[in-house]
């Protein structure tokens, strides 16, 4: 099975501002690959973190050096619109498969629903660049964006950040009706109240599997904030979810993500 992690970060010279991430000044591509090898992870998608101002350039360098192991969902400042021409330029950078925006600051709380980013949806759709999203009002926004831009591939980050009761589950399952919307099943152990294998969230994952299917459900970790080792993040899905077939696992553990992002990795 070819295992591809849907979300990791690499950075240098800056400790994460989020205290849940490893509080180290550097987490390089070489350190990532060493841990991936130990866990049996073949490849991963870098999400350049906001705490390192050079994160995009660092990710591009990593993808250029390790094209069969690392790729990128990049970001850029959203304070002024960019058009398709700029996105087409970005697509030419090594490993660039799409975009990812985590709109978590107070001044960004309504950007997903107030029309501030209408230019982005249009430009990304025209440039055929998938977008992963995280932020307030996300599921409300998906209901607005997905039907208006049917050729724009959207990815919901981190189960849409559930609370301890997973109170967003019904709303999250509902947006699976849009065929251009996928779910990143990333960071699952961090949303559990139990120890490995985190059985308290297995039922939630099953409901989401039933809604999105294996073709639109992408396993991943966000490893630097996980409470368990990378290997256990893998085996939670490959060994502990007995209702997943071998074919389902091949899709969820990497096949579906690579297809969604058009990442042609050697098998």
C-alpha atoms as a PDB file:
ATOM      1  CA  UNK A   1       0.000   0.000   0.000  1.00  0.00           C
ATOM      2  CA  UNK A   2       1.332   3.437  -0.958  1.00  0.00           C
ATOM      3  CA  UNK A   3       0.747   5.674   2.078  1.00  0.00           C
ATOM      4  CA  UNK A   4       0.557   9.433   1.569  1.00  0.00           C
ATOM      5  CA  UNK A   5       0.053  11.870   4.448  1.00  0.00           C
ATOM      6  CA  UNK A   6      -2.357  14.658   3.485  1.00  0.00           C
ATOM      7  CA  UNK A   7      -0.824  17.252   5.829  1.00  0.00           C
ATOM      8  CA  UNK A   8       2.545  18.008   7.370  1.00  0.00           C
ATOM      9  CA  UNK A   9       4.504  21.184   8.113  1.00  0.00           C
ATOM     10  CA  UNK A  10       8.185  21.987   7.735  1.00  0.00           C
ATOM     11  CA  UNK A  11       9.853  25.118   9.045  1.00  0.00           C
ATOM     12  CA  UNK A  12      13.159  26.661  10.089  1.00  0.00           C
ATOM     13  CA  UNK A  13      14.165  29.399  12.491  1.00  0.00           C
ATOM     14  CA  UNK A  14      10.765  29.906  14.131  1.00  0.00           C
ATOM     15  CA  UNK A  15       8.954  28.067  16.897  1.00  0.00           C
ATOM     16  CA  UNK A  16       5.260  27.407  16.182  1.00  0.00           C
ATOM     17  CA  UNK A  17       2.890  30.000  17.596  1.00  0.00           C
ATOM     18  CA  UNK A  18       0.384  27.216  18.298  1.00  0.00           C
ATOM     19  CA  UNK A  19       1.607  25.576  21.524  1.00  0.00           C
ATOM     20  CA  UNK A  20       0.074  22.242  20.483  1.00  0.00           C
ATOM     21  CA  UNK A  21       2.750  21.880  17.806  1.00  0.00           C
ATOM     22  CA  UNK A  22       6.246  20.721  18.707  1.00  0.00           C
ATOM     23  CA  UNK A  23       8.013  23.702  20.214  1.00  0.00           C
ATOM     24  CA  UNK A  24      11.197  23.395  18.191  1.00  0.00           C
ATOM     25  CA  UNK A  25      12.764  26.082  15.988  1.00  0.00           C
ATOM     26  CA  UNK A  26      13.378  23.722  13.073  1.00  0.00           C
ATOM     27  CA  UNK A  27      11.580  20.756  11.522  1.00  0.00           C
ATOM     28  CA  UNK A  28      13.278  20.141   8.212  1.00  0.00           C
ATOM     29  CA  UNK A  29      12.433  18.001   5.217  1.00  0.00           C
ATOM     30  CA  UNK A  30      15.219  15.616   6.168  1.00  0.00           C
ATOM     31  CA  UNK A  31      13.797  15.189   9.669  1.00  0.00           C
ATOM     32  CA  UNK A  32      10.336  14.619   8.173  1.00  0.00           C
ATOM     33  CA  UNK A  33      11.594  11.961   5.796  1.00  0.00           C
ATOM     34  CA  UNK A  34      13.449  10.146   8.561  1.00  0.00           C
ATOM     35  CA  UNK A  35      10.251   9.924  10.611  1.00  0.00           C
ATOM     36  CA  UNK A  36       8.195   8.970   7.564  1.00  0.00           C
ATOM     37  CA  UNK A  37      10.579   6.113   6.762  1.00  0.00           C
ATOM     38  CA  UNK A  38      10.307   4.806  10.304  1.00  0.00           C
ATOM     39  CA  UNK A  39       6.498   4.899  10.108  1.00  0.00           C
ATOM     40  CA  UNK A  40       6.190   3.418   6.622  1.00  0.00           C
ATOM     41  CA  UNK A  41       4.841   6.619   5.070  1.00  0.00           C
ATOM     42  CA  UNK A  42       5.828   6.972   1.421  1.00  0.00           C
ATOM     43  CA  UNK A  43       4.989  10.605   0.692  1.00  0.00           C
ATOM     44  CA  UNK A  44       3.381  13.694   2.216  1.00  0.00           C
ATOM     45  CA  UNK A  45       1.860  17.038   1.297  1.00  0.00           C
ATOM     46  CA  UNK A  46       3.501  20.052   2.928  1.00  0.00           C
ATOM     47  CA  UNK A  47       1.270  22.886   4.155  1.00  0.00           C
ATOM     48  CA  UNK A  48       3.650  25.825   4.706  1.00  0.00           C
ATOM     49  CA  UNK A  49       2.866  27.120   8.220  1.00  0.00           C
ATOM     50  CA  UNK A  50       2.062  30.747   8.897  1.00  0.00           C
ATOM     51  CA  UNK A  51       4.588  31.051  11.725  1.00  0.00           C
ATOM     52  CA  UNK A  52       7.529  30.805   9.298  1.00  0.00           C
ATOM     53  CA  UNK A  53       7.546  33.694   6.760  1.00  0.00           C
ATOM     54  CA  UNK A  54       9.848  31.658   4.507  1.00  0.00           C
ATOM     55  CA  UNK A  55       7.689  28.549   4.638  1.00  0.00           C
ATOM     56  CA  UNK A  56       6.553  28.604   1.004  1.00  0.00           C
ATOM     57  CA  UNK A  57      10.121  28.860  -0.282  1.00  0.00           C
ATOM     58  CA  UNK A  58      11.242  26.133   2.119  1.00  0.00           C
ATOM     59  CA  UNK A  59       8.473  23.831   0.891  1.00  0.00           C
ATOM     60  CA  UNK A  60       9.339  24.470  -2.751  1.00  0.00           C
ATOM     61  CA  UNK A  61      12.982  23.638  -2.059  1.00  0.00           C
ATOM     62  CA  UNK A  62      11.946  20.410  -0.322  1.00  0.00           C
ATOM     63  CA  UNK A  63       9.642  19.380  -3.163  1.00  0.00           C
ATOM     64  CA  UNK A  64      12.349  20.145  -5.710  1.00  0.00           C
ATOM     65  CA  UNK A  65      14.856  17.994  -3.813  1.00  0.00           C
ATOM     66  CA  UNK A  66      12.441  15.133  -3.040  1.00  0.00           C
ATOM     67  CA  UNK A  67       9.823  15.179  -5.836  1.00  0.00           C
ATOM     68  CA  UNK A  68       8.695  11.595  -5.227  1.00  0.00           C
ATOM     69  CA  UNK A  69       8.217  12.174  -1.491  1.00  0.00           C
ATOM     70  CA  UNK A  70       6.989  15.730  -0.937  1.00  0.00           C
ATOM     71  CA  UNK A  71       4.517  18.087  -2.592  1.00  0.00           C
ATOM     72  CA  UNK A  72       2.797  21.341  -1.561  1.00  0.00           C
ATOM     73  CA  UNK A  73      -0.505  23.061  -0.894  1.00  0.00           C
ATOM     74  CA  UNK A  74       0.736  26.642  -0.699  1.00  0.00           C
ATOM     75  CA  UNK A  75      -0.725  29.902   0.561  1.00  0.00           C
ATOM     76  CA  UNK A  76      -0.283  33.606  -0.084  1.00  0.00           C
ATOM     77  CA  UNK A  77      -1.557  36.813   1.567  1.00  0.00           C
ATOM     78  CA  UNK A  78      -5.255  37.362   0.942  1.00  0.00           C
ATOM     79  CA  UNK A  79      -5.227  41.119   1.485  1.00  0.00           C
ATOM     80  CA  UNK A  80      -5.479  41.782  -2.245  1.00  0.00           C
ATOM     81  CA  UNK A  81      -6.931  39.703  -5.082  1.00  0.00           C
ATOM     82  CA  UNK A  82      -4.801  37.740  -7.508  1.00  0.00           C
ATOM     83  CA  UNK A  83      -5.987  36.338 -10.793  1.00  0.00           C
ATOM     84  CA  UNK A  84      -5.576  33.216 -12.833  1.00  0.00           C
ATOM     85  CA  UNK A  85      -2.285  34.440 -14.317  1.00  0.00           C
ATOM     86  CA  UNK A  86      -0.645  34.518 -10.890  1.00  0.00           C
ATOM     87  CA  UNK A  87      -2.057  31.121  -9.959  1.00  0.00           C
ATOM     88  CA  UNK A  88      -0.825  29.668 -13.236  1.00  0.00           C
ATOM     89  CA  UNK A  89       2.632  30.999 -12.343  1.00  0.00           C
ATOM     90  CA  UNK A  90       2.455  29.353  -8.926  1.00  0.00           C
ATOM     91  CA  UNK A  91       1.472  26.038 -10.484  1.00  0.00           C
ATOM     92  CA  UNK A  92       4.822  25.936 -12.269  1.00  0.00           C
ATOM     93  CA  UNK A  93       6.745  25.819  -8.983  1.00  0.00           C
ATOM     94  CA  UNK A  94       8.105  22.376  -8.029  1.00  0.00           C
ATOM     95  CA  UNK A  95       5.567  20.194  -6.272  1.00  0.00           C
ATOM     96  CA  UNK A  96       2.767  22.769  -6.331  1.00  0.00           C
ATOM     97  CA  UNK A  97      -0.546  20.875  -6.307  1.00  0.00           C
ATOM     98  CA  UNK A  98      -2.953  23.462  -4.911  1.00  0.00           C
ATOM     99  CA  UNK A  99      -3.658  25.949  -2.143  1.00  0.00           C
ATOM    100  CA  UNK A 100      -4.474  25.835   1.549  1.00  0.00           C
ATOM    101  CA  UNK A 101      -5.756  28.635   3.754  1.00  0.00           C
ATOM    102  CA  UNK A 102      -6.327  28.454   7.512  1.00  0.00           C
ATOM    103  CA  UNK A 103      -8.394  31.515   8.348  1.00  0.00           C
ATOM    104  CA  UNK A 104      -8.149  31.411  12.125  1.00  0.00           C
ATOM    105  CA  UNK A 105      -7.448  35.023  13.092  1.00  0.00           C
ATOM    106  CA  UNK A 106     -10.278  37.159  14.547  1.00  0.00           C
ATOM    107  CA  UNK A 107     -10.266  39.590  11.618  1.00  0.00           C
ATOM    108  CA  UNK A 108     -10.713  36.643   9.222  1.00  0.00           C
ATOM    109  CA  UNK A 109     -13.723  35.162  10.997  1.00  0.00           C
ATOM    110  CA  UNK A 110     -16.246  36.081   8.282  1.00  0.00           C
ATOM    111  CA  UNK A 111     -14.053  36.047   5.195  1.00  0.00           C
ATOM    112  CA  UNK A 112     -15.407  32.689   4.067  1.00  0.00           C
ATOM    113  CA  UNK A 113     -19.004  33.897   3.958  1.00  0.00           C
ATOM    114  CA  UNK A 114     -19.003  37.670   3.468  1.00  0.00           C
ATOM    115  CA  UNK A 115     -17.828  37.744  -0.151  1.00  0.00           C
ATOM    116  CA  UNK A 116     -14.278  38.834   0.673  1.00  0.00           C
ATOM    117  CA  UNK A 117     -12.811  35.828  -1.152  1.00  0.00           C
ATOM    118  CA  UNK A 118     -15.155  35.511  -4.114  1.00  0.00           C
ATOM    119  CA  UNK A 119     -12.224  36.455  -6.355  1.00  0.00           C
ATOM    120  CA  UNK A 120     -10.211  33.521  -5.001  1.00  0.00           C
ATOM    121  CA  UNK A 121     -12.849  30.893  -5.777  1.00  0.00           C
ATOM    122  CA  UNK A 122     -13.165  32.196  -9.331  1.00  0.00           C
ATOM    123  CA  UNK A 123      -9.416  32.391  -9.970  1.00  0.00           C
ATOM    124  CA  UNK A 124      -8.717  28.951  -8.498  1.00  0.00           C
ATOM    125  CA  UNK A 125     -11.528  27.368 -10.475  1.00  0.00           C
ATOM    126  CA  UNK A 126     -10.182  28.871 -13.704  1.00  0.00           C
ATOM    127  CA  UNK A 127      -6.630  27.768 -12.857  1.00  0.00           C
ATOM    128  CA  UNK A 128      -7.769  24.261 -11.817  1.00  0.00           C
ATOM    129  CA  UNK A 129      -6.131  24.603  -8.396  1.00  0.00           C
ATOM    130  CA  UNK A 130      -7.749  22.695  -5.517  1.00  0.00           C
ATOM    131  CA  UNK A 131      -8.156  24.595  -2.246  1.00  0.00           C
ATOM    132  CA  UNK A 132      -8.064  23.194   1.291  1.00  0.00           C
ATOM    133  CA  UNK A 133      -9.808  25.344   3.895  1.00  0.00           C
ATOM    134  CA  UNK A 134     -10.058  25.767   7.637  1.00  0.00           C
ATOM    135  CA  UNK A 135     -11.828  28.539   9.505  1.00  0.00           C
ATOM    136  CA  UNK A 136     -14.954  29.886  11.124  1.00  0.00           C
ATOM    137  CA  UNK A 137     -18.229  29.353   9.256  1.00  0.00           C
ATOM    138  CA  UNK A 138     -16.492  26.799   7.030  1.00  0.00           C
ATOM    139  CA  UNK A 139     -19.423  24.468   6.451  1.00  0.00           C
ATOM    140  CA  UNK A 140     -21.769  27.374   5.777  1.00  0.00           C
ATOM    141  CA  UNK A 141     -19.219  28.624   3.275  1.00  0.00           C
ATOM    142  CA  UNK A 142     -18.946  25.228   1.558  1.00  0.00           C
ATOM    143  CA  UNK A 143     -22.701  25.331   0.948  1.00  0.00           C
ATOM    144  CA  UNK A 144     -22.207  28.662  -0.780  1.00  0.00           C
ATOM    145  CA  UNK A 145     -18.987  28.021  -2.700  1.00  0.00           C
ATOM    146  CA  UNK A 146     -19.348  24.421  -3.926  1.00  0.00           C
ATOM    147  CA  UNK A 147     -22.523  24.822  -6.015  1.00  0.00           C
ATOM    148  CA  UNK A 148     -21.406  28.179  -7.445  1.00  0.00           C
ATOM    149  CA  UNK A 149     -18.029  26.800  -8.551  1.00  0.00           C
ATOM    150  CA  UNK A 150     -18.633  23.161  -9.517  1.00  0.00           C
ATOM    151  CA  UNK A 151     -15.212  22.780 -11.168  1.00  0.00           C
ATOM    152  CA  UNK A 152     -13.356  23.976  -8.068  1.00  0.00           C
ATOM    153  CA  UNK A 153     -12.106  21.109  -5.913  1.00  0.00           C
ATOM    154  CA  UNK A 154     -12.522  21.948  -2.235  1.00  0.00           C
ATOM    155  CA  UNK A 155     -10.987  20.109   0.724  1.00  0.00           C
ATOM    156  CA  UNK A 156     -12.295  20.455   4.271  1.00  0.00           C
ATOM    157  CA  UNK A 157      -9.391  20.430   6.735  1.00  0.00           C
ATOM    158  CA  UNK A 158      -9.180  18.408   9.944  1.00  0.00           C
ATOM    159  CA  UNK A 159     -12.774  17.078  10.035  1.00  0.00           C
ATOM    160  CA  UNK A 160     -13.785  20.788  10.117  1.00  0.00           C
ATOM    161  CA  UNK A 161     -12.245  20.932  13.630  1.00  0.00           C
ATOM    162  CA  UNK A 162     -14.838  19.083  15.711  1.00  0.00           C
ATOM    163  CA  UNK A 163     -15.431  19.905  19.352  1.00  0.00           C
ATOM    164  CA  UNK A 164     -15.307  17.187  22.017  1.00  0.00           C
ATOM    165  CA  UNK A 165     -18.840  16.058  21.169  1.00  0.00           C
ATOM    166  CA  UNK A 166     -18.340  16.249  17.383  1.00  0.00           C
ATOM    167  CA  UNK A 167     -21.454  18.417  17.261  1.00  0.00           C
ATOM    168  CA  UNK A 168     -20.728  19.408  13.653  1.00  0.00           C
ATOM    169  CA  UNK A 169     -20.984  15.845  12.360  1.00  0.00           C
ATOM    170  CA  UNK A 170     -24.454  16.051  10.786  1.00  0.00           C
ATOM    171  CA  UNK A 171     -23.637  19.335   9.076  1.00  0.00           C
ATOM    172  CA  UNK A 172     -20.301  17.951   7.900  1.00  0.00           C
ATOM    173  CA  UNK A 173     -21.884  14.816   6.432  1.00  0.00           C
ATOM    174  CA  UNK A 174     -24.433  16.984   4.629  1.00  0.00           C
ATOM    175  CA  UNK A 175     -21.864  18.806   2.493  1.00  0.00           C
ATOM    176  CA  UNK A 176     -20.716  15.462   1.086  1.00  0.00           C
ATOM    177  CA  UNK A 177     -23.596  15.877  -1.386  1.00  0.00           C
ATOM    178  CA  UNK A 178     -21.317  18.154  -3.415  1.00  0.00           C
ATOM    179  CA  UNK A 179     -19.116  16.005  -5.632  1.00  0.00           C
ATOM    180  CA  UNK A 180     -16.401  18.696  -5.675  1.00  0.00           C
ATOM    181  CA  UNK A 181     -15.938  18.569  -1.891  1.00  0.00           C
ATOM    182  CA  UNK A 182     -13.540  16.172  -0.127  1.00  0.00           C
ATOM    183  CA  UNK A 183     -12.629  15.649   3.519  1.00  0.00           C
ATOM    184  CA  UNK A 184      -9.178  15.583   5.074  1.00  0.00           C
ATOM    185  CA  UNK A 185      -9.367  13.010   7.848  1.00  0.00           C
ATOM    186  CA  UNK A 186      -6.275  14.574   9.371  1.00  0.00           C
ATOM    187  CA  UNK A 187      -5.296  14.814  13.001  1.00  0.00           C
ATOM    188  CA  UNK A 188      -7.844  12.232  14.157  1.00  0.00           C
ATOM    189  CA  UNK A 189      -6.035  11.254  17.409  1.00  0.00           C
ATOM    190  CA  UNK A 190      -6.121  14.884  18.509  1.00  0.00           C
ATOM    191  CA  UNK A 191      -9.932  14.856  18.497  1.00  0.00           C
ATOM    192  CA  UNK A 192     -10.252  11.791  20.714  1.00  0.00           C
ATOM    193  CA  UNK A 193     -10.777  11.685  24.471  1.00  0.00           C
ATOM    194  CA  UNK A 194      -9.318   8.174  24.742  1.00  0.00           C
ATOM    195  CA  UNK A 195      -5.913   6.568  24.307  1.00  0.00           C
ATOM    196  CA  UNK A 196      -4.880   4.694  21.175  1.00  0.00           C
ATOM    197  CA  UNK A 197      -6.652   3.253  19.211  1.00  0.00           C
ATOM    198  CA  UNK A 198      -9.110   6.095  20.002  1.00  0.00           C
ATOM    199  CA  UNK A 199     -12.243   3.998  19.746  1.00  0.00           C
ATOM    200  CA  UNK A 200     -14.480   6.868  20.863  1.00  0.00           C
ATOM    201  CA  UNK A 201     -14.146   8.470  17.412  1.00  0.00           C
ATOM    202  CA  UNK A 202     -14.335   5.347  15.240  1.00  0.00           C
ATOM    203  CA  UNK A 203     -18.097   5.723  14.878  1.00  0.00           C
ATOM    204  CA  UNK A 204     -17.715   9.344  13.765  1.00  0.00           C
ATOM    205  CA  UNK A 205     -15.170   8.328  11.148  1.00  0.00           C
ATOM    206  CA  UNK A 206     -17.538   5.602   9.942  1.00  0.00           C
ATOM    207  CA  UNK A 207     -20.356   8.123   9.452  1.00  0.00           C
ATOM    208  CA  UNK A 208     -18.053  10.350   7.458  1.00  0.00           C
ATOM    209  CA  UNK A 209     -16.823   7.400   5.405  1.00  0.00           C
ATOM    210  CA  UNK A 210     -20.429   6.526   4.616  1.00  0.00           C
ATOM    211  CA  UNK A 211     -21.062  10.135   3.536  1.00  0.00           C
ATOM    212  CA  UNK A 212     -17.927  10.950   1.527  1.00  0.00           C
ATOM    213  CA  UNK A 213     -16.783   7.476   0.479  1.00  0.00           C
ATOM    214  CA  UNK A 214     -13.147   6.394   0.149  1.00  0.00           C
ATOM    215  CA  UNK A 215     -12.666   8.480  -3.012  1.00  0.00           C
ATOM    216  CA  UNK A 216     -13.142  11.744  -1.076  1.00  0.00           C
ATOM    217  CA  UNK A 217     -11.634  10.955   2.305  1.00  0.00           C
ATOM    218  CA  UNK A 218      -7.925  11.620   2.804  1.00  0.00           C
ATOM    219  CA  UNK A 219      -5.916  10.247   5.733  1.00  0.00           C
ATOM    220  CA  UNK A 220      -3.204  12.399   7.241  1.00  0.00           C
ATOM    221  CA  UNK A 221      -1.668  13.528  10.496  1.00  0.00           C
ATOM    222  CA  UNK A 222      -0.455  17.099  10.987  1.00  0.00           C
ATOM    223  CA  UNK A 223       2.179  15.057  12.767  1.00  0.00           C
ATOM    224  CA  UNK A 224       3.857  17.785  14.803  1.00  0.00           C
ATOM    225  CA  UNK A 225       0.760  18.175  16.985  1.00  0.00           C
ATOM    226  CA  UNK A 226      -0.196  14.499  17.285  1.00  0.00           C
ATOM    227  CA  UNK A 227      -0.282  12.841  20.736  1.00  0.00           C
ATOM    228  CA  UNK A 228       0.882   9.487  19.333  1.00  0.00           C
ATOM    229  CA  UNK A 229       3.706   8.356  17.010  1.00  0.00           C
ATOM    230  CA  UNK A 230       3.313   8.537  13.239  1.00  0.00           C
ATOM    231  CA  UNK A 231       3.196   4.739  12.982  1.00  0.00           C
ATOM    232  CA  UNK A 232       0.140   4.580  15.247  1.00  0.00           C
ATOM    233  CA  UNK A 233      -1.548   7.324  13.238  1.00  0.00           C
ATOM    234  CA  UNK A 234      -1.175   4.935  10.297  1.00  0.00           C
ATOM    235  CA  UNK A 235      -2.280   1.754  12.051  1.00  0.00           C
ATOM    236  CA  UNK A 236      -5.332   3.420  13.584  1.00  0.00           C
ATOM    237  CA  UNK A 237      -6.748   3.412  10.048  1.00  0.00           C
ATOM    238  CA  UNK A 238      -5.034   0.375   8.525  1.00  0.00           C
ATOM    239  CA  UNK A 239      -5.506  -2.020  11.455  1.00  0.00           C
ATOM    240  CA  UNK A 240      -8.158  -0.688  13.834  1.00  0.00           C
ATOM    241  CA  UNK A 241     -11.019   0.253  11.464  1.00  0.00           C
ATOM    242  CA  UNK A 242     -12.135  -3.274  10.647  1.00  0.00           C
ATOM    243  CA  UNK A 243     -14.927  -2.140   8.341  1.00  0.00           C
ATOM    244  CA  UNK A 244     -12.472  -0.712   5.810  1.00  0.00           C
ATOM    245  CA  UNK A 245     -11.733  -3.072   2.925  1.00  0.00           C
ATOM    246  CA  UNK A 246      -8.273  -3.391   1.432  1.00  0.00           C
ATOM    247  CA  UNK A 247      -9.373  -1.274  -1.535  1.00  0.00           C
ATOM    248  CA  UNK A 248     -10.836   1.364   0.808  1.00  0.00           C
ATOM    249  CA  UNK A 249      -7.553   1.583   2.698  1.00  0.00           C
ATOM    250  CA  UNK A 250      -5.576   1.995  -0.508  1.00  0.00           C
ATOM    251  CA  UNK A 251      -7.773   4.935  -1.428  1.00  0.00           C
ATOM    252  CA  UNK A 252      -8.028   6.623   1.979  1.00  0.00           C
ATOM    253  CA  UNK A 253      -4.351   6.166   2.823  1.00  0.00           C
ATOM    254  CA  UNK A 254      -3.143   7.945  -0.301  1.00  0.00           C
ATOM    255  CA  UNK A 255      -4.727   6.876  -3.569  1.00  0.00           C
ATOM    256  CA  UNK A 256      -7.706   9.206  -3.364  1.00  0.00           C
ATOM    257  CA  UNK A 257      -5.604  12.214  -2.331  1.00  0.00           C
ATOM    258  CA  UNK A 258      -3.154  11.737  -5.188  1.00  0.00           C
ATOM    259  CA  UNK A 259      -6.022  11.461  -7.650  1.00  0.00           C
ATOM    260  CA  UNK A 260      -7.761  14.563  -6.270  1.00  0.00           C
ATOM    261  CA  UNK A 261      -4.578  16.625  -6.472  1.00  0.00           C
ATOM    262  CA  UNK A 262      -3.318  15.017  -9.714  1.00  0.00           C
ATOM    263  CA  UNK A 263      -0.098  13.976  -7.969  1.00  0.00           C
ATOM    264  CA  UNK A 264       1.472  11.262 -10.125  1.00  0.00           C
ATOM    265  CA  UNK A 265       3.748   9.382  -7.786  1.00  0.00           C
ATOM    266  CA  UNK A 266       5.750   6.320  -8.865  1.00  0.00           C
ATOM    267  CA  UNK A 267       4.228   3.120  -7.530  1.00  0.00           C
END
